[in-house]
Protein backbone atom coordinates (compact mmCIF):
# COMPACT_ATOMS: atom_id res chain seq x y z
CA UNK A 1 -0.05 -0.15 -0.03
CA UNK A 2 1.97 3.01 -1.35
CA UNK A 3 0.74 6.14 0.38
CA UNK A 4 3.55 8.29 -1.03
CA UNK A 5 2.39 11.27 -3.17
CA UNK A 6 4.26 13.61 -5.45
CA UNK A 7 3.18 16.15 -7.89
CA UNK A 8 4.53 16.80 -11.42
CA UNK A 9 4.11 20.09 -13.24
CA UNK A 10 5.68 19.82 -16.59
CA UNK A 11 5.61 22.93 -18.91
CA UNK A 12 5.22 22.10 -22.65
CA UNK A 13 6.08 24.46 -25.48
CA UNK A 14 2.61 24.56 -27.05
CA UNK A 15 -0.25 26.80 -25.98
CA UNK A 16 -2.25 27.17 -29.00
CA UNK A 17 -3.00 23.84 -30.73
CA UNK A 18 -5.76 22.22 -28.56
CA UNK A 19 -5.23 18.80 -30.30
CA UNK A 20 -1.58 18.52 -29.36
CA UNK A 21 -2.28 19.64 -25.82
CA UNK A 22 -5.08 17.02 -25.67
CA UNK A 23 -2.91 14.43 -26.95
CA UNK A 24 -0.23 15.03 -24.36
CA UNK A 25 -2.65 15.12 -21.36
CA UNK A 26 -4.46 12.00 -22.63
CA UNK A 27 -1.32 9.80 -22.16
CA UNK A 28 -1.00 11.07 -18.58
CA UNK A 29 -4.65 9.93 -17.95
CA UNK A 30 -3.86 6.34 -19.24
CA UNK A 31 -1.56 5.77 -16.18
CA UNK A 32 -3.27 4.12 -13.28
CA UNK A 33 -2.68 5.80 -9.77
CA UNK A 34 -2.29 9.17 -11.49
CA UNK A 35 -4.81 12.12 -11.43
CA UNK A 36 -4.72 14.99 -13.87
CA UNK A 37 -5.53 18.06 -11.74
CA UNK A 38 -5.04 20.96 -14.11
CA UNK A 39 -4.23 22.00 -17.72
CA UNK A 40 -3.38 25.69 -18.14
CA UNK A 41 -2.55 26.80 -21.70
CA UNK A 42 -1.34 30.26 -22.70
CA UNK A 43 -1.71 31.56 -26.28
CA UNK A 44 0.75 34.52 -25.88
CA UNK A 45 3.39 32.41 -24.17
CA UNK A 46 2.60 29.41 -26.50
CA UNK A 47 3.07 27.23 -23.41
CA UNK A 48 0.84 24.77 -21.39
CA UNK A 49 1.39 24.03 -17.71
CA UNK A 50 0.02 20.66 -16.67
CA UNK A 51 -0.46 19.43 -13.17
CA UNK A 52 -0.93 15.80 -12.02
CA UNK A 53 -0.33 13.89 -8.95
CA UNK A 54 -0.01 10.24 -7.74
CA UNK A 55 2.35 7.71 -6.20
CA UNK A 56 6.04 8.16 -7.30
CA UNK A 57 6.37 5.33 -9.72
CA UNK A 58 3.24 5.96 -11.65
CA UNK A 59 3.96 9.81 -11.85
CA UNK A 60 7.40 9.01 -13.33
CA UNK A 61 5.85 6.74 -15.90
CA UNK A 62 3.08 9.46 -16.81
CA UNK A 63 5.70 12.00 -17.01
CA UNK A 64 7.90 10.03 -19.40
CA UNK A 65 4.82 9.33 -21.66
CA UNK A 66 3.97 12.97 -21.71
CA UNK A 67 7.64 14.08 -22.61
CA UNK A 68 7.63 11.38 -25.30
CA UNK A 69 4.40 12.58 -26.82
CA UNK A 70 5.59 16.19 -26.71
CA UNK A 71 8.80 15.24 -28.57
CA UNK A 72 6.70 13.56 -31.29
CA UNK A 73 4.19 16.49 -31.76
CA UNK A 74 6.09 19.74 -30.98
CA UNK A 75 8.76 20.93 -33.49
CA UNK A 76 10.93 23.50 -31.77
CA UNK A 77 12.27 24.83 -35.02
CA UNK A 78 8.85 26.41 -35.65
CA UNK A 79 8.15 27.63 -31.99
CA UNK A 80 7.60 31.06 -31.04
CA UNK A 81 6.33 32.51 -27.74
CA UNK A 82 6.87 35.10 -25.11
CA UNK A 83 8.03 32.82 -22.34
CA UNK A 84 11.70 31.64 -22.10
CA UNK A 85 12.01 28.04 -23.28
CA UNK A 86 14.67 25.56 -24.46
CA UNK A 87 12.66 22.45 -25.31
CA UNK A 88 9.50 20.90 -26.38
CA UNK A 89 9.12 19.90 -22.66
CA UNK A 90 10.83 22.86 -21.31
CA UNK A 91 10.88 22.08 -17.53
CA UNK A 92 9.59 19.04 -15.56
CA UNK A 93 9.53 19.68 -11.74
CA UNK A 94 8.66 16.96 -9.21
CA UNK A 95 7.16 18.10 -5.88
CA UNK A 96 6.94 15.89 -2.73
CA UNK A 97 3.54 16.06 -1.46
CA UNK A 98 3.07 13.60 1.42
CA UNK A 99 5.01 10.67 3.01
CA UNK A 100 8.22 11.30 0.89
CA UNK A 101 11.22 13.35 1.34
CA UNK A 102 12.91 15.72 -1.04
CA UNK A 103 15.96 13.34 -1.07
CA UNK A 104 13.66 10.35 -2.16
CA UNK A 105 12.01 12.60 -4.77
CA UNK A 106 15.35 13.62 -6.24
CA UNK A 107 16.14 9.86 -6.83
CA UNK A 108 12.94 9.58 -8.83
CA UNK A 109 13.90 12.72 -10.84
CA UNK A 110 17.20 11.01 -11.80
CA UNK A 111 15.36 7.95 -12.94
CA UNK A 112 13.15 10.01 -15.07
CA UNK A 113 16.00 12.09 -16.55
CA UNK A 114 18.07 8.91 -17.35
CA UNK A 115 15.13 7.22 -19.09
CA UNK A 116 14.23 10.36 -21.22
CA UNK A 117 17.79 10.99 -22.25
CA UNK A 118 18.42 7.26 -23.20
CA UNK A 119 15.16 6.44 -24.90
CA UNK A 120 14.31 9.89 -26.49
CA UNK A 121 17.75 11.25 -27.19
CA UNK A 122 16.88 14.51 -25.30
CA UNK A 123 19.69 16.22 -23.33
CA UNK A 124 18.65 16.59 -19.72
CA UNK A 125 19.78 19.20 -17.15
CA UNK A 126 18.94 18.74 -13.47
CA UNK A 127 17.88 21.81 -11.36
CA UNK A 128 16.77 23.04 -7.87
CA UNK A 129 17.23 20.20 -5.28
CA UNK A 130 18.35 17.80 -7.87
CA UNK A 131 21.15 20.09 -9.36
CA UNK A 132 24.65 18.51 -9.73
CA UNK A 133 26.29 21.84 -9.06
CA UNK A 134 25.25 25.22 -7.37
CA UNK A 135 25.24 27.08 -10.73
CA UNK A 136 22.78 24.65 -12.17
CA UNK A 137 20.35 25.06 -9.21
CA UNK A 138 18.59 28.21 -10.82
CA UNK A 139 16.25 27.32 -13.82
CA UNK A 140 16.83 30.76 -15.35
CA UNK A 141 20.70 30.11 -15.41
CA UNK A 142 20.29 26.73 -17.17
CA UNK A 143 17.80 28.22 -19.60
CA UNK A 144 19.93 31.21 -20.57
CA UNK A 145 20.30 31.50 -24.24
CA UNK A 146 17.11 29.56 -24.62
CA UNK A 147 16.57 27.10 -27.66
CA UNK A 148 18.21 29.32 -30.10
CA UNK A 149 21.59 29.20 -28.11
CA UNK A 150 21.30 25.57 -27.20
CA UNK A 151 23.33 24.18 -29.98
CA UNK A 152 26.35 26.30 -28.96
CA UNK A 153 25.74 25.82 -25.28
CA UNK A 154 25.94 21.99 -25.69
CA UNK A 155 29.53 22.49 -27.17
CA UNK A 156 30.66 24.24 -23.98
CA UNK A 157 32.33 21.72 -21.60
CA UNK A 158 30.83 23.71 -18.67
CA UNK A 159 27.31 22.92 -19.93
CA UNK A 160 27.50 19.29 -20.75
CA UNK A 161 23.98 17.73 -19.96
CA UNK A 162 23.53 15.75 -16.70
CA UNK A 163 21.97 12.85 -18.75
CA UNK A 164 22.33 12.18 -22.41
CA UNK A 165 24.80 13.18 -25.08
CA UNK A 166 25.79 16.76 -25.72
CA UNK A 167 24.20 16.46 -29.29
CA UNK A 168 21.68 19.15 -30.33
CA UNK A 169 18.21 17.76 -30.97
CA UNK A 170 16.52 20.42 -33.24
CA UNK A 171 13.02 19.13 -32.85
CA UNK A 172 12.91 18.67 -29.18
CA UNK A 173 15.64 20.85 -27.83
CA UNK A 174 16.67 20.01 -24.18
CA UNK A 175 14.57 19.47 -20.90
CA UNK A 176 15.22 20.53 -17.38
CA UNK A 177 14.13 18.17 -14.67
CA UNK A 178 14.38 18.55 -11.06
CA UNK A 179 12.67 18.68 -7.61
CA UNK A 180 11.32 21.75 -5.86
CA UNK A 181 9.24 22.36 -2.73
CA UNK A 182 5.41 22.80 -3.13
CA UNK A 183 4.54 26.40 -3.80
CA UNK A 184 1.46 27.79 -2.12
CA UNK A 185 -0.34 30.63 -3.85
CA UNK A 186 -2.24 32.27 -1.12
CA UNK A 187 -4.28 35.64 -0.99
CA UNK A 188 -5.50 37.41 2.15
CA UNK A 189 -8.51 39.68 1.93
CA UNK A 190 -8.60 43.18 3.46
CA UNK A 191 -11.45 45.58 4.30
CA UNK A 192 -10.14 48.15 2.02
CA UNK A 193 -9.95 48.97 -1.76
CA UNK A 194 -6.51 50.74 -1.44
CA UNK A 195 -3.71 48.98 -3.44
CA UNK A 196 -1.28 51.31 -1.75
CA UNK A 197 -2.35 50.02 1.77
CA UNK A 198 -2.37 46.59 0.68
CA UNK A 199 1.15 46.95 -0.70
CA UNK A 200 2.34 48.45 2.51
CA UNK A 201 1.31 45.33 4.39
CA UNK A 202 2.88 43.06 1.71
CA UNK A 203 6.23 44.82 2.03
CA UNK A 204 5.90 44.48 5.80
CA UNK A 205 5.71 40.70 5.69
CA UNK A 206 7.48 39.56 2.51
CA UNK A 207 11.08 38.34 2.98
CA UNK A 208 12.50 40.80 0.42
CA UNK A 209 10.84 43.61 2.42
CA UNK A 210 11.03 47.24 1.03
CA UNK A 211 13.69 49.72 -0.14
CA UNK A 212 14.87 51.90 2.63
CA UNK A 213 14.16 55.66 2.17
CA UNK A 214 14.66 58.82 3.93
CA UNK A 215 11.51 60.36 5.05
CA UNK A 216 8.52 59.24 3.23
CA UNK A 217 8.54 55.45 2.81
CA UNK A 218 7.12 55.77 -0.72
CA UNK A 219 8.57 59.04 -2.26
CA UNK A 220 11.58 59.61 -0.10
CA UNK A 221 15.08 59.59 -1.08
CA UNK A 222 16.56 56.06 -1.58
CA UNK A 223 19.37 54.92 0.75
CA UNK A 224 22.13 53.17 -0.96
CA UNK A 225 24.98 51.05 0.36
CA UNK A 226 28.75 51.72 -0.33
CA UNK A 227 28.44 49.89 -3.56
CA UNK A 228 25.57 52.08 -4.75
CA UNK A 229 22.92 49.42 -4.42
CA UNK A 230 19.60 50.09 -2.57
CA UNK A 231 19.45 49.10 1.13
CA UNK A 232 16.50 46.92 1.85
CA UNK A 233 14.47 46.62 5.14
CA UNK A 234 13.79 42.92 5.23
CA UNK A 235 10.09 41.76 5.81
CA UNK A 236 9.01 39.52 8.71
CA UNK A 237 8.36 36.20 6.88
CA UNK A 238 11.01 33.99 5.37
CA UNK A 239 10.33 32.19 2.08
CA UNK A 240 7.41 34.48 1.36
CA UNK A 241 6.87 36.68 -1.71
CA UNK A 242 3.90 39.16 -1.53
CA UNK A 243 2.35 42.09 -3.35
CA UNK A 244 -0.93 44.05 -2.87
CA UNK A 245 -3.44 44.41 -5.40
CA UNK A 246 -7.20 45.19 -6.03
CA UNK A 247 -9.65 42.51 -7.06
CA UNK A 248 -12.52 44.14 -9.11
CA UNK A 249 -14.56 40.90 -8.95
CA UNK A 250 -14.85 41.17 -5.27
CA UNK A 251 -14.37 44.81 -4.76
CA UNK A 252 -11.52 44.42 -2.22
CA UNK A 253 -7.80 44.72 -1.86
CA UNK A 254 -5.81 41.61 -1.12
CA UNK A 255 -2.26 40.60 -0.09
CA UNK A 256 -1.24 38.01 -2.68
CA UNK A 257 1.63 35.86 -1.45
CA UNK A 258 3.64 32.89 -2.70
CA UNK A 259 4.83 30.70 0.08
CA UNK A 260 7.86 29.06 -1.60
CA UNK A 261 8.56 26.82 1.41
CA UNK A 262 5.59 26.17 3.68
CA UNK A 263 7.72 24.25 6.13
CA UNK A 264 9.61 27.40 6.89
CA UNK A 265 6.58 29.75 6.90
CA UNK A 266 3.45 27.71 7.36
CA UNK A 267 0.18 29.01 5.90
CA UNK A 268 -1.30 29.81 9.31
CA UNK A 269 1.71 31.83 10.41
CA UNK A 270 1.54 33.89 7.15
CA UNK A 271 -2.05 34.50 7.79
CA UNK A 272 -1.41 35.51 11.51
CA UNK A 273 1.42 37.95 10.46
CA UNK A 274 -0.73 39.66 7.90
CA UNK A 275 -3.45 40.09 10.55
CA UNK A 276 -0.89 41.52 12.86
CA UNK A 277 0.67 43.92 10.32
CA UNK A 278 -2.75 44.99 8.99
CA UNK A 279 -4.03 45.87 12.38
CA UNK A 280 -0.94 48.08 12.98
CA UNK A 281 -2.03 49.89 9.85
CA UNK A 282 -5.68 50.31 10.78
CA UNK A 283 -6.82 47.55 8.50
CA UNK A 284 -8.79 44.40 9.13
CA UNK A 285 -8.34 41.00 7.54
CA UNK A 286 -11.71 39.57 6.62
CA UNK A 287 -10.85 36.16 5.22
CA UNK A 288 -8.35 34.48 2.57
CA UNK A 289 -8.37 32.24 -0.29
CA UNK A 290 -6.10 29.31 -1.51
CA UNK A 291 -5.22 29.62 -5.25
CA UNK A 292 -5.06 26.13 -6.78
CA UNK A 293 -4.74 23.05 -4.46
CA UNK A 294 -3.16 22.45 -1.13
CA UNK A 295 -1.67 19.46 0.69
CA UNK A 296 -3.63 17.99 3.44
CA UNK A 297 -0.82 18.46 5.99
CA UNK A 298 -1.02 22.25 5.53
CA UNK A 299 -4.71 22.12 6.59
CA UNK A 300 -4.16 19.78 9.44
CA UNK A 301 -1.31 21.88 10.89
CA UNK A 302 -3.39 25.04 10.60
CA UNK A 303 -6.29 23.35 12.45
CA UNK A 304 -3.93 22.11 15.30
CA UNK A 305 -2.51 25.63 15.51
CA UNK A 306 -5.76 27.31 16.08
CA UNK A 307 -7.04 24.79 18.50
CA UNK A 308 -3.84 25.06 20.56
CA UNK A 309 -4.36 28.99 20.59
CA UNK A 310 -7.96 28.39 21.96
CA UNK A 311 -6.53 26.13 24.74
CA UNK A 312 -8.41 23.02 23.35
CA UNK A 313 -7.44 19.55 22.51
CA UNK A 314 -6.21 19.12 18.96
CA UNK A 315 -6.70 15.37 19.14
CA UNK A 316 -9.91 15.53 17.03
CA UNK A 317 -10.87 14.07 13.72
CA UNK A 318 -9.29 15.08 10.46
CA UNK A 319 -12.69 16.46 9.40
CA UNK A 320 -12.89 18.68 12.50
CA UNK A 321 -9.26 19.98 12.10
CA UNK A 322 -10.04 21.06 8.46
CA UNK A 323 -13.26 22.70 9.52
CA UNK A 324 -11.39 24.73 12.28
CA UNK A 325 -8.71 25.64 9.71
CA UNK A 326 -11.39 26.72 7.13
CA UNK A 327 -13.24 29.01 9.60
CA UNK A 328 -10.04 30.28 11.32
CA UNK A 329 -8.50 31.39 8.00
CA UNK A 330 -11.88 32.63 6.44
CA UNK A 331 -11.23 30.35 3.43
CA UNK A 332 -15.04 30.41 2.71
CA UNK A 333 -15.44 34.19 2.69
CA UNK A 334 -15.42 34.74 -1.06
CA UNK A 335 -16.80 31.25 -2.10
CA UNK A 336 -17.33 27.90 -0.54
CA UNK A 337 -14.22 25.86 0.32
CA UNK A 338 -14.76 22.33 -0.83
CA UNK A 339 -12.03 20.04 0.74
CA UNK A 340 -12.69 17.30 -1.89
CA UNK A 341 -11.64 19.78 -4.68
CA UNK A 342 -9.02 21.83 -2.82
CA UNK A 343 -7.03 19.24 -0.88
CA UNK A 344 -4.75 17.24 -3.10
CA UNK A 345 -5.17 13.89 -1.18
CA UNK A 346 -8.92 14.13 -1.19
CA UNK A 347 -9.16 15.01 -4.89
CA UNK A 348 -7.18 11.73 -5.60
CA UNK A 349 -9.41 9.57 -3.39
CA UNK A 350 -12.36 8.80 -5.72
CA UNK A 351 -13.16 5.44 -4.24
CA UNK A 352 -16.83 5.34 -3.15
CA UNK A 353 -17.23 1.57 -2.60
CA UNK A 354 -14.94 1.45 0.49
CA UNK A 355 -16.14 -0.48 3.53
CA UNK A 356 -15.11 2.43 5.90
CA UNK A 357 -17.55 4.67 3.87
CA UNK A 358 -20.49 2.51 4.70
CA UNK A 359 -23.00 3.10 7.67
CA UNK A 360 -22.65 0.93 10.63
CA UNK A 361 -25.72 -1.06 9.48
CA UNK A 362 -24.53 -1.51 5.99
CA UNK A 363 -21.12 -2.71 7.16
CA UNK A 364 -22.71 -5.20 9.47
CA UNK A 365 -25.02 -6.41 6.71
CA UNK A 366 -22.11 -6.69 4.27
CA UNK A 367 -20.15 -8.78 6.84
CA UNK A 368 -23.15 -10.92 7.48
CA UNK A 369 -23.69 -11.74 3.87
CA UNK A 370 -22.64 -15.01 2.07
CA UNK A 371 -19.46 -13.35 0.64
CA UNK A 372 -16.28 -14.37 2.46
CA UNK A 373 -15.06 -10.81 2.58
CA UNK A 374 -15.08 -8.71 4.61
CA UNK A 375 -14.41 -11.22 7.30
CA UNK A 376 -12.41 -11.67 10.48
CA UNK A 377 -9.40 -9.75 9.19
CA UNK A 378 -11.35 -6.60 8.48
CA UNK A 379 -13.48 -6.80 11.63
CA UNK A 380 -10.07 -7.18 13.64
CA UNK A 381 -8.88 -3.99 12.15
CA UNK A 382 -12.22 -2.24 12.87
CA UNK A 383 -12.27 -3.37 16.52
CA UNK A 384 -8.89 -1.70 16.65
CA UNK A 385 -10.40 1.45 15.21
CA UNK A 386 -12.87 1.45 18.25
CA UNK A 387 -10.12 0.99 20.63
CA UNK A 388 -8.12 3.96 19.26
CA UNK A 389 -11.30 6.10 19.09
CA UNK A 390 -12.19 5.40 22.63
CA UNK A 391 -8.46 6.27 23.64
CA UNK A 392 -8.93 9.54 21.84
CA UNK A 393 -12.26 10.28 23.53
CA UNK A 394 -10.94 9.70 27.01
CA UNK A 395 -7.72 12.01 26.25
CA UNK A 396 -10.01 14.66 24.95
CA UNK A 397 -12.39 14.54 27.99
CA UNK A 398 -9.26 14.66 30.18
CA UNK A 399 -7.81 17.71 28.26
CA UNK A 400 -11.27 19.49 28.83
CA UNK A 401 -11.66 18.55 32.52
CA UNK A 402 -11.82 21.54 34.77
CA UNK A 403 -8.73 21.95 37.06
CA UNK A 404 -6.53 19.88 34.62
CA UNK A 405 -5.44 22.89 32.46
CA UNK A 406 -1.88 21.99 33.16
CA UNK A 407 -2.48 18.54 31.31
CA UNK A 408 -3.97 19.95 28.13
CA UNK A 409 -0.74 19.54 26.04
CA UNK A 410 -0.16 15.98 27.42
CA UNK A 411 -3.68 14.81 26.76
CA UNK A 412 -4.00 16.55 23.46
CA UNK A 413 -0.94 14.66 22.36
CA UNK A 414 -2.40 11.35 23.33
CA UNK A 415 -5.65 12.12 21.63
CA UNK A 416 -3.89 13.20 18.49
CA UNK A 417 -1.67 10.02 18.32
CA UNK A 418 -4.87 7.91 18.90
CA UNK A 419 -6.70 9.74 16.04
CA UNK A 420 -3.51 8.83 13.68
CA UNK A 421 -3.79 5.25 14.86
CA UNK A 422 -7.45 5.15 14.06
CA UNK A 423 -6.87 6.57 10.56
CA UNK A 424 -4.27 4.03 9.88
CA UNK A 425 -6.57 1.20 11.00
CA UNK A 426 -9.36 2.45 8.91
CA UNK A 427 -7.32 2.08 5.78
CA UNK A 428 -6.40 -1.48 6.92
CA UNK A 429 -10.06 -2.56 7.23
CA UNK A 430 -10.33 -2.23 3.45
CA UNK A 431 -6.77 -3.31 2.79
CA UNK A 432 -7.46 -6.76 4.54
CA UNK A 433 -10.35 -7.40 2.22
CA UNK A 434 -8.17 -6.29 -0.90
CA UNK A 435 -5.49 -8.69 0.29
CA UNK A 436 -7.98 -11.61 0.45
CA UNK A 437 -9.20 -10.78 -3.04
CA UNK A 438 -5.67 -10.76 -4.37
CA UNK A 439 -5.31 -14.30 -3.11
CA UNK A 440 -8.48 -15.39 -4.79
CA UNK A 441 -7.38 -13.65 -8.12
CA UNK A 442 -4.00 -15.49 -8.07
CA UNK A 443 -5.78 -18.87 -8.12
CA UNK A 444 -7.68 -17.97 -11.19
CA UNK A 445 -4.61 -17.37 -13.32
CA UNK A 446 -4.14 -19.91 -16.23
CA UNK A 447 -1.87 -22.92 -15.85
CA UNK A 448 -1.79 -24.41 -19.38
CA UNK A 449 1.93 -24.08 -19.98
CA UNK A 450 4.98 -24.46 -17.91
CA UNK A 451 5.59 -20.83 -17.94
CA UNK A 452 2.03 -19.93 -16.84
CA UNK A 453 2.40 -22.53 -14.12
CA UNK A 454 5.47 -20.96 -12.75
CA UNK A 455 3.92 -17.39 -12.92
CA UNK A 456 0.66 -18.64 -11.11
CA UNK A 457 2.70 -20.27 -8.47
CA UNK A 458 4.83 -17.19 -7.80
CA UNK A 459 1.68 -14.99 -7.82
CA UNK A 460 -0.02 -17.19 -5.25
CA UNK A 461 2.98 -17.09 -3.03
CA UNK A 462 3.21 -13.29 -3.26
CA UNK A 463 -0.46 -12.78 -2.63
CA UNK A 464 -0.33 -15.22 0.43
CA UNK A 465 2.58 -13.12 1.86
CA UNK A 466 0.70 -9.94 1.34
CA UNK A 467 -2.42 -11.44 2.96
CA UNK A 468 -0.25 -12.41 5.99
CA UNK A 469 1.58 -9.02 6.18
CA UNK A 470 -1.70 -6.90 6.37
CA UNK A 471 -3.10 -8.52 9.58
CA UNK A 472 0.34 -8.36 11.09
CA UNK A 473 0.32 -4.63 10.28
CA UNK A 474 -3.03 -4.55 12.05
CA UNK A 475 -1.48 -6.21 15.12
CA UNK A 476 1.45 -3.80 15.08
CA UNK A 477 -0.84 -0.60 14.71
CA UNK A 478 -3.23 -1.67 17.34
CA UNK A 479 -0.43 -2.39 19.68
CA UNK A 480 0.76 1.17 19.39
CA UNK A 481 -2.56 2.22 20.87
CA UNK A 482 -2.08 0.06 23.98
CA UNK A 483 0.52 2.33 25.54
CA UNK A 484 -1.74 5.32 25.11
CA UNK A 485 -4.84 3.34 26.50
CA UNK A 486 -2.76 2.38 29.60
CA UNK A 487 -1.91 6.01 30.06
CA UNK A 488 -5.54 6.81 30.05
CA UNK A 489 -6.42 4.06 32.58
CA UNK A 490 -3.77 5.23 34.84
CA UNK A 491 -3.94 9.07 34.60
CA UNK A 492 -7.03 9.89 32.33
CA UNK A 493 -10.25 11.44 33.50
CA UNK A 494 -11.55 9.12 36.21
CA UNK A 495 -15.09 9.55 35.06
CA UNK A 496 -14.12 7.77 31.84
CA UNK A 497 -12.19 4.76 33.43
CA UNK A 498 -14.50 2.18 32.09
CA UNK A 499 -14.29 3.70 28.50
CA UNK A 500 -10.50 3.29 28.76
CA UNK A 501 -11.09 -0.26 29.86
CA UNK A 502 -13.27 -1.12 26.97
CA UNK A 503 -10.66 0.42 24.81
CA UNK A 504 -8.12 -2.09 26.19
CA UNK A 505 -10.52 -5.04 25.71
CA UNK A 506 -11.12 -3.91 22.05
CA UNK A 507 -7.39 -3.61 21.43
CA UNK A 508 -6.68 -7.05 22.79
CA UNK A 509 -9.57 -8.69 20.66
CA UNK A 510 -8.27 -6.84 17.46
CA UNK A 511 -4.68 -7.98 17.97
CA UNK A 512 -5.78 -11.62 18.73
CA UNK A 513 -8.16 -11.56 15.71
CA UNK A 514 -5.49 -10.36 13.52
CA UNK A 515 -3.11 -12.95 14.85
CA UNK A 516 -5.46 -15.68 13.81
CA UNK A 517 -5.47 -14.35 10.22
CA UNK A 518 -1.66 -14.10 10.24
CA UNK A 519 -1.42 -17.79 10.99
CA UNK A 520 -4.04 -19.06 8.52
CA UNK A 521 -2.35 -17.13 5.76
CA UNK A 522 1.13 -18.27 6.59
CA UNK A 523 -0.03 -21.84 6.13
CA UNK A 524 -0.11 -21.48 2.41
CA UNK A 525 3.40 -19.92 2.10
CA UNK A 526 6.48 -21.94 0.88
CA UNK A 527 9.13 -19.50 2.09
CA UNK A 528 9.89 -20.82 5.47
CA UNK A 529 12.30 -18.01 6.51
CA UNK A 530 9.46 -15.45 5.91
CA UNK A 531 6.94 -17.59 7.72
CA UNK A 532 9.21 -18.10 10.83
CA UNK A 533 10.16 -14.40 11.04
CA UNK A 534 6.65 -13.25 10.87
CA UNK A 535 5.09 -15.67 13.26
CA UNK A 536 7.79 -15.00 15.81
CA UNK A 537 7.16 -11.24 15.65
CA UNK A 538 3.36 -11.85 15.75
CA UNK A 539 3.66 -14.22 18.78
CA UNK A 540 5.69 -11.48 20.45
CA UNK A 541 2.97 -8.87 20.05
CA UNK A 542 0.30 -11.21 21.17
CA UNK A 543 1.94 -12.19 24.43
CA UNK A 544 2.70 -8.57 25.24
CA UNK A 545 -0.97 -7.56 24.50
CA UNK A 546 -2.12 -10.27 26.90
CA UNK A 547 -0.01 -8.89 29.65
CA UNK A 548 -1.06 -5.37 28.93
CA UNK A 549 -4.70 -6.41 28.89
CA UNK A 550 -4.48 -8.01 32.45
CA UNK A 551 -2.62 -4.92 33.77
CA UNK A 552 -5.29 -2.54 32.41
CA UNK A 553 -8.22 -4.69 33.74
CA UNK A 554 -6.67 -4.89 37.08
CA UNK A 555 -6.34 -1.10 37.44
CA UNK A 556 -9.78 -0.49 36.09
CA UNK A 557 -11.23 -3.18 38.52
CA UNK A 558 -9.45 -1.54 41.45
CA UNK A 559 -10.54 1.98 40.56
CA UNK A 560 -14.21 1.21 39.96
CA UNK A 561 -14.43 -0.80 43.25
């Protein structure tokens, strides 16, 4: 189950011919596990920016197919446009979105670069975080001279491509591939129509700040340094670009910002700083808007920040955290904020037939039907969900208990960790059923020839291993909650002691149920090393859970007596 997510934003040197653009985007959509989010053509620039996301391997495949199609359909010898460019696919950045690091994404960019150079004979330069030298980090530097100067550039030993031969490809030119951080386009609304006032706030917050002047900050004499360059007064936010403008459609002025590294300056911090600087200038922030799409983590972090600020527990559901973020940032002031359309991970999740999306009654009915799945494996995972949910509930009640204000941070942390465990287990409810289905599918493979028999045997072995690994993952994940549940039994709100006790019983039941599924699936595996290793680890978790259950129940019984 690959939950890693990267975004790809290739820029193609064609913005006028709809058929060519459609041909390029169509090959992207043929790759499973990839979702095309946006296609933005520009006639004046004769350039189209495409955005798609998915798991890394599939994104790399889609990117290659798109670059290949562009090399077939776009002829750079005939290209004209206002935007700087050096190839049919001019630049192809990869952006890590969730559960993957910059360094890991760089390795994927190199895989893509190597394949494009080798199979399509296109010289490739690496930039930003994938750059092979400091001078190649900046895209503008690599692209200097553009397509027209590329032939001569390739003859320069200092500009040999990172991948591919230094041979000029007249039709396709060269392509720049790299890795950069996700850029957040974010606008904050003000209760003014004045662009000048909005700009004043923008200069206060943006990293570049404003030019230092004598007297009037707008018309005063510019202060220069010893080299004759203007002295700048830096703004308060790192990795932020900003400008003020007037939006006629809404009849308001906005601070328009680009957050070039939201890990350095998170969205909620940028918002709070604009509120602060606006207030100093007699202005009021009325709301904000996100341009394009946003990673889920950004919204989660904002929700946690504002709940902490209120002195409330942040160990609430993902849905509640997003709701708090939307209301606190005023993201629904100008138009409704739809998480399913604005949050990248949600836009990708188009599965409507999941077990976890069913009502309690429908899930029970589906389990009780004559179908063998969902069965004990999915139920074990869901019993674990209930354990983690009760753990979070007790922690939240403890965080909100009068007189326990000094424990809010501790209890909020437990509630938040319990929510994360709950979410992992919800995914495993469906994954256990998927694993069972893969085993069944492997047995339907043909076995008419020796080659087919070998492939079928290998597929059955792999499917059985996966079917054993999933319930073991359920065991591991539920066991994580045991430590939190014990903390709630010992130090949580005493009025909820029995709720914590029930959580412990559910956790033990979920672990034991998953253990049975590990054992039954191991029986069909020929790899004895794999089998022994997994059953030893499963036995260890089972025995530890029995000990913890007894300890928990003993404490609960003593307290309620």
